[in-house]
Amino acid sequence: RAIAAQAQEAQSHHTEQGTTGRNKDTSDKFASLESLFKAHCQSHFTTSGYDYNHYRLAYKYGFDLTLDPDNQKMGWTSVEPHARQNWDEGIMGLWSQHRSAVLYGWEQGLKINGE
């Protein structure tokens, strides 16, 4: 249930303009990691034919999953089935093509938001 809420938030916040309060803090945290996400994208997706902007939502989705304290207590193997279920392939692309970006977003998000 919490993962579904995070998925909805990720889908509805394609841009981070006009956010305030907690959302702005979250946006700032994500923005502080974008250089890492871009480097990861360059090293893992260069042959895909897509640039960082294509994968940005996947990194953000993984990052946003760590905002929920319940998710922070679980390992990726527990979170992934729910994350995949709530991943909207029609909007965000095939899970199989974005999984590693979501996972990396999750890992980096945990470093800031959890543990």
Protein backbone atom coordinates (compact mmCIF):
# COMPACT_ATOMS: atom_id res chain seq x y z
CA ARG A 1 0.00 0.00 0.00
CA ALA A 2 2.76 2.47 0.90
CA ILE A 3 4.63 1.51 -2.26
CA ALA A 4 1.54 2.26 -4.34
CA ALA A 5 1.38 5.74 -2.82
CA GLN A 6 5.05 6.30 -3.65
CA ALA A 7 4.45 5.12 -7.21
CA GLN A 8 1.60 7.58 -7.62
CA GLU A 9 3.79 10.37 -6.25
CA ALA A 10 6.60 9.49 -8.65
CA GLN A 11 4.22 9.48 -11.60
CA SER A 12 2.60 12.79 -10.68
CA HIS A 13 5.87 14.64 -10.08
CA HIS A 14 7.61 14.46 -13.44
CA THR A 15 8.84 17.97 -12.73
CA GLU A 16 9.80 19.36 -9.37
CA GLN A 17 8.75 22.95 -9.95
CA GLY A 18 6.64 24.69 -7.37
CA THR A 19 7.15 22.23 -4.55
CA THR A 20 7.24 23.39 -0.96
CA GLY A 21 7.93 21.97 2.47
CA ARG A 22 8.67 18.25 2.59
CA ASN A 23 8.34 17.87 -1.17
CA LYS A 24 10.96 20.57 -1.71
CA ASP A 25 13.30 18.90 0.78
CA THR A 26 12.79 15.59 -1.03
CA SER A 27 13.37 17.27 -4.37
CA ASP A 28 16.55 18.86 -3.07
CA LYS A 29 17.80 15.49 -1.83
CA PHE A 30 17.07 13.86 -5.17
CA ALA A 31 18.69 16.75 -7.03
CA SER A 32 21.82 16.39 -4.89
CA LEU A 33 22.19 12.84 -6.24
CA GLU A 34 21.53 13.53 -9.90
CA SER A 35 25.22 13.57 -10.82
CA LEU A 36 25.48 10.02 -9.42
CA PHE A 37 22.38 8.96 -11.34
CA LYS A 38 23.72 10.48 -14.55
CA ALA A 39 27.05 8.69 -14.12
CA HIS A 40 25.25 5.40 -13.43
CA CYS A 41 23.12 5.94 -16.51
CA GLN A 42 26.18 6.58 -18.69
CA SER A 43 27.90 3.45 -17.47
CA HIS A 44 24.87 1.15 -17.62
CA PHE A 45 22.63 2.37 -20.42
CA THR A 46 24.89 3.75 -23.15
CA THR A 47 23.91 1.02 -25.59
CA SER A 48 20.17 1.52 -24.97
CA GLY A 49 19.97 4.52 -27.26
CA TYR A 50 18.34 6.62 -24.52
CA ASP A 51 19.79 9.46 -22.47
CA TYR A 52 19.46 10.22 -18.77
CA ASN A 53 16.14 12.01 -19.18
CA HIS A 54 14.59 8.73 -20.31
CA TYR A 55 15.74 6.94 -17.13
CA ARG A 56 15.30 9.83 -14.68
CA LEU A 57 11.83 8.72 -13.61
CA ALA A 58 13.14 5.24 -12.80
CA TYR A 59 15.85 6.68 -10.54
CA LYS A 60 13.25 8.95 -8.93
CA TYR A 61 10.84 6.06 -8.44
CA GLY A 62 13.50 4.03 -6.63
CA PHE A 63 14.52 7.04 -4.57
CA ASP A 64 10.90 7.79 -3.65
CA LEU A 65 10.37 4.24 -2.43
CA THR A 66 12.84 4.95 0.37
CA LEU A 67 10.76 7.85 1.69
CA ASP A 68 8.41 5.41 3.38
CA PRO A 69 9.81 4.30 6.77
CA ASP A 70 8.26 0.85 6.32
CA ASN A 71 10.12 0.40 3.04
CA GLN A 72 13.35 1.51 4.68
CA LYS A 73 13.10 -1.47 7.02
CA MET A 74 12.81 -3.98 4.18
CA GLY A 75 15.42 -5.24 1.80
CA TRP A 76 15.20 -4.81 -1.95
CA THR A 77 14.10 -8.42 -2.44
CA SER A 78 11.01 -7.66 -0.33
CA VAL A 79 10.30 -4.27 -1.92
CA GLU A 80 10.92 -5.22 -5.56
CA PRO A 81 7.79 -7.33 -6.18
CA HIS A 82 5.57 -4.47 -4.97
CA ALA A 83 7.62 -1.88 -6.81
CA ARG A 84 7.33 -3.86 -10.02
CA GLN A 85 3.59 -4.37 -9.54
CA ASN A 86 3.08 -0.61 -9.19
CA TRP A 87 5.41 0.27 -12.06
CA ASP A 88 3.25 1.51 -14.93
CA GLU A 89 4.92 0.16 -18.06
CA GLY A 90 2.55 2.20 -20.22
CA ILE A 91 3.93 5.41 -18.76
CA MET A 92 7.39 4.52 -17.51
CA GLY A 93 8.58 1.81 -19.90
CA LEU A 94 9.36 -1.88 -19.48
CA TRP A 95 10.38 -2.89 -15.96
CA SER A 96 13.11 -5.14 -17.34
CA GLN A 97 14.73 -2.14 -19.04
CA HIS A 98 14.52 0.13 -16.00
CA ARG A 99 14.97 -2.23 -13.05
CA SER A 100 18.63 -1.46 -12.47
CA ALA A 101 17.93 2.29 -12.47
CA VAL A 102 15.12 1.81 -9.94
CA LEU A 103 17.40 -0.34 -7.79
CA TYR A 104 20.21 2.22 -7.94
CA GLY A 105 17.75 4.99 -7.01
CA TRP A 106 16.63 2.82 -4.10
CA GLU A 107 20.19 2.20 -2.93
CA GLN A 108 21.14 5.87 -3.07
CA GLY A 109 17.86 6.93 -1.45
CA LEU A 110 18.48 4.60 1.49
CA LYS A 111 21.81 6.30 2.11
CA ILE A 112 20.02 9.64 2.56
CA ASN A 113 16.52 8.74 3.73
CA GLY A 114 17.00 5.61 5.77
CA GLU A 115 19.30 3.28 7.60
